[in-house]
Structure formats: C-alpha cells, structure tokens
Amino acid sequence: MTRIGRTEILSLIPHQGGMCLWDEVLAWDTQTIAARADSHRDLAHPLRSRDQLRAVHLCEYGAQAMAIHGGLLAKAAGGRCRPGMLVALRAVDLHVIRIDDLPGELTCTAAVLTSGENSWQYAFTIAHEAQLLAEGRAAVVLHDPA
C-alpha cells in the first residue's frame, strides 16, 4: 500500500496533537505496518519528564502503530475502527534507557498475531538506524460500539 502522512494518520486514530507519535506510514498490508517518527526529539513531547523521554514509552509508540494499522484496515473495508484500550504488554525488551537523545528517526514494524472482533494482539519492534531499541507484544481490547 502507499505511504501516508501525518494528516491521514490523525484522521485514523484518537491520538491528536503531540500525542500522535508517528509522522508517516512507510508501508502496510493486511498483516503488517511500518512507520517512522521524529517526535522523540521534541522538547514539548507530552510523555517527557525530567527532561527525558524514557525507553518505556516505546510501548506507546508500538501501540499507536497498532491503532494506525487498525484504522487503515477499517478504512479499506469502508468503515472506521472502534477505539481500543491497551490491556497487556508481554515479552517487552528495552535495549536503551532513553530515546530523546537519539539523533535520527525511529522506525517501527508491527505485525498482527491475532485479530478478532473485539481484540487484537501484535508483535512490534522499534529501531533507530540499525539499533534495535524495543521489542514486544501488545494486546488491545476494542470498546463496544455505542
């Protein structure tokens, strides 16, 4: 599928403004998504504390890649994705302590492990250049339609 920019990403997910962490979707298909971001260097990053952005926040980057993928799949099917809640992180390995000091962009690959009507589970990896920063699995439960 074609690349998409931040404007379309914002139309797909509930995360808005600075809380939308991804700048571009590089590629996606029915099972995977690849994205890139520069937001980790933003001094006004909403997840920063004590002048740092810690590696644990890469889990949010992974979860947002999942949300974007769900939004893209729903849009391709002619609808909108239901909002969800991150309910579990498993087998998360963080290979750095902080990420705000990394000079280049972050890249993420997320792949569907299971997908049902009311929940998803994905595996994700996040890297900076050739360095693996984080990897793990995340589960999301979708809210019931109103």
Protein backbone atom coordinates (compact mmCIF):
# COMPACT_ATOMS: atom_id res chain seq x y z
CA MET A 1 0.00 0.00 0.00
CA THR A 2 1.10 3.60 -0.46
CA ARG A 3 2.77 5.76 2.13
CA ILE A 4 0.57 8.03 4.20
CA GLY A 5 1.44 11.18 6.08
CA ARG A 6 0.59 12.67 9.43
CA THR A 7 -2.66 14.31 8.30
CA GLU A 8 -4.15 10.95 7.34
CA ILE A 9 -2.72 9.30 10.46
CA LEU A 10 -4.54 11.93 12.57
CA SER A 11 -7.78 11.04 10.80
CA LEU A 12 -7.41 7.38 11.75
CA ILE A 13 -6.62 7.42 15.48
CA PRO A 14 -7.89 9.18 18.60
CA HIS A 15 -4.38 10.44 19.49
CA GLN A 16 -4.18 14.08 18.41
CA GLY A 17 -1.64 16.88 18.52
CA GLY A 18 1.60 15.94 20.23
CA MET A 19 0.14 12.64 21.39
CA CYS A 20 0.12 11.40 17.79
CA LEU A 21 3.63 9.98 17.84
CA TRP A 22 4.07 8.79 14.23
CA ASP A 23 4.83 11.06 11.28
CA GLU A 24 4.47 8.66 8.37
CA VAL A 25 3.39 5.16 7.47
CA LEU A 26 6.09 3.76 5.21
CA ALA A 27 4.23 0.61 4.16
CA TRP A 28 1.34 -1.56 5.25
CA ASP A 29 -0.69 -4.57 4.23
CA THR A 30 -3.33 -6.70 5.94
CA GLN A 31 -0.82 -8.17 8.41
CA THR A 32 1.91 -5.57 8.96
CA ILE A 33 2.68 -1.88 9.22
CA ALA A 34 5.94 0.06 9.11
CA ALA A 35 6.13 3.65 10.35
CA ARG A 36 8.65 6.39 11.08
CA ALA A 37 8.79 9.25 13.59
CA ASP A 38 10.95 12.15 14.69
CA SER A 39 8.76 13.07 17.68
CA HIS A 40 11.12 11.56 20.26
CA ARG A 41 13.38 14.64 19.97
CA ASP A 42 10.58 17.15 20.57
CA LEU A 43 11.27 19.13 23.75
CA ALA A 44 7.48 19.52 24.16
CA HIS A 45 6.82 15.76 23.83
CA PRO A 46 3.83 15.05 26.10
CA LEU A 47 5.44 11.94 27.59
CA ARG A 48 8.71 13.66 28.58
CA SER A 49 9.53 14.02 32.25
CA ARG A 50 12.59 15.40 33.98
CA ASP A 51 13.96 16.50 30.60
CA GLN A 52 13.98 12.93 29.25
CA LEU A 53 11.88 10.58 27.20
CA ARG A 54 12.38 7.11 28.60
CA ALA A 55 12.51 3.92 26.57
CA VAL A 56 9.41 2.55 28.30
CA HIS A 57 7.43 5.00 26.17
CA LEU A 58 8.36 2.97 23.11
CA CYS A 59 5.48 0.70 24.17
CA GLU A 60 3.13 3.60 23.39
CA TYR A 61 4.82 4.02 20.02
CA GLY A 62 4.17 0.32 19.34
CA ALA A 63 0.55 0.57 20.48
CA GLN A 64 -0.06 3.60 18.26
CA ALA A 65 1.34 1.75 15.26
CA MET A 66 -1.28 -0.91 16.01
CA ALA A 67 -4.01 1.73 16.19
CA ILE A 68 -2.97 3.21 12.86
CA HIS A 69 -2.97 -0.25 11.29
CA GLY A 70 -6.45 -0.95 12.65
CA GLY A 71 -7.63 2.39 11.28
CA LEU A 72 -6.18 1.65 7.86
CA LEU A 73 -7.79 -1.79 7.75
CA ALA A 74 -11.17 -0.38 8.80
CA LYS A 75 -10.94 2.42 6.24
CA ALA A 76 -10.06 -0.07 3.49
CA ALA A 77 -13.20 -2.02 4.46
CA GLY A 78 -15.30 1.16 4.23
CA GLY A 79 -15.64 1.92 7.94
CA ARG A 80 -13.92 3.36 10.99
CA CYS A 81 -12.04 1.49 13.65
CA ARG A 82 -13.54 1.34 17.13
CA PRO A 83 -11.38 2.92 19.84
CA GLY A 84 -9.47 0.49 21.98
CA MET A 85 -7.56 0.23 25.22
CA LEU A 86 -4.10 -1.23 25.66
CA VAL A 87 -4.64 -4.05 28.18
CA ALA A 88 -1.40 -6.04 28.14
CA LEU A 89 2.24 -5.89 27.23
CA ARG A 90 4.22 -9.12 27.04
CA ALA A 91 7.84 -10.08 26.43
CA VAL A 92 8.89 -6.43 26.21
CA ASP A 93 12.64 -5.96 25.93
CA LEU A 94 14.03 -2.43 26.09
CA HIS A 95 17.59 -2.14 24.81
CA VAL A 96 18.21 1.50 25.83
CA ILE A 97 17.27 3.66 28.80
CA ARG A 98 16.15 6.80 26.99
CA ILE A 99 15.31 7.86 23.45
CA ASP A 100 15.22 11.68 23.39
CA ASP A 101 18.97 11.81 22.77
CA LEU A 102 18.85 9.71 19.58
CA PRO A 103 19.65 11.92 16.56
CA GLY A 104 17.82 10.05 13.80
CA GLU A 105 14.27 8.89 13.23
CA LEU A 106 12.56 5.95 14.89
CA THR A 107 11.13 3.16 12.79
CA CYS A 108 8.58 0.59 13.82
CA THR A 109 7.33 -2.64 12.39
CA ALA A 110 4.20 -4.18 13.89
CA ALA A 111 2.65 -7.47 12.83
CA VAL A 112 -0.75 -8.97 13.64
CA LEU A 113 -0.53 -12.07 15.83
CA THR A 114 -4.26 -12.44 16.43
CA SER A 115 -7.19 -10.32 15.41
CA GLY A 116 -10.78 -10.79 16.50
CA GLU A 117 -13.95 -8.78 16.51
CA ASN A 118 -13.17 -7.30 19.94
CA SER A 119 -9.41 -7.56 20.40
CA TRP A 120 -6.03 -7.54 18.69
CA GLN A 121 -2.58 -8.75 19.55
CA TYR A 122 0.52 -7.56 17.70
CA ALA A 123 4.27 -8.04 17.90
CA PHE A 124 6.30 -4.86 17.46
CA THR A 125 9.91 -3.79 17.05
CA ILE A 126 11.23 -0.25 17.20
CA ALA A 127 14.66 0.74 15.94
CA HIS A 128 16.90 3.75 15.49
CA GLU A 129 19.06 3.37 12.41
CA ALA A 130 20.39 -0.22 12.75
CA GLN A 131 19.96 -0.38 16.55
CA LEU A 132 17.04 -2.32 17.98
CA LEU A 133 15.53 -0.20 20.77
CA ALA A 134 12.50 -2.21 21.85
CA GLU A 135 10.51 -5.30 21.00
CA GLY A 136 7.47 -6.96 22.47
CA ARG A 137 3.83 -7.88 22.14
CA ALA A 138 0.80 -5.75 22.93
CA ALA A 139 -2.89 -6.58 23.31
CA VAL A 140 -5.77 -4.18 22.77
CA VAL A 141 -9.44 -4.64 23.64
CA LEU A 142 -11.82 -2.65 21.44
CA HIS A 143 -14.63 -0.67 23.04
CA ASP A 144 -18.19 -1.80 22.36
CA PRO A 145 -19.91 0.28 19.70
CA ALA A 146 -22.14 2.99 21.17
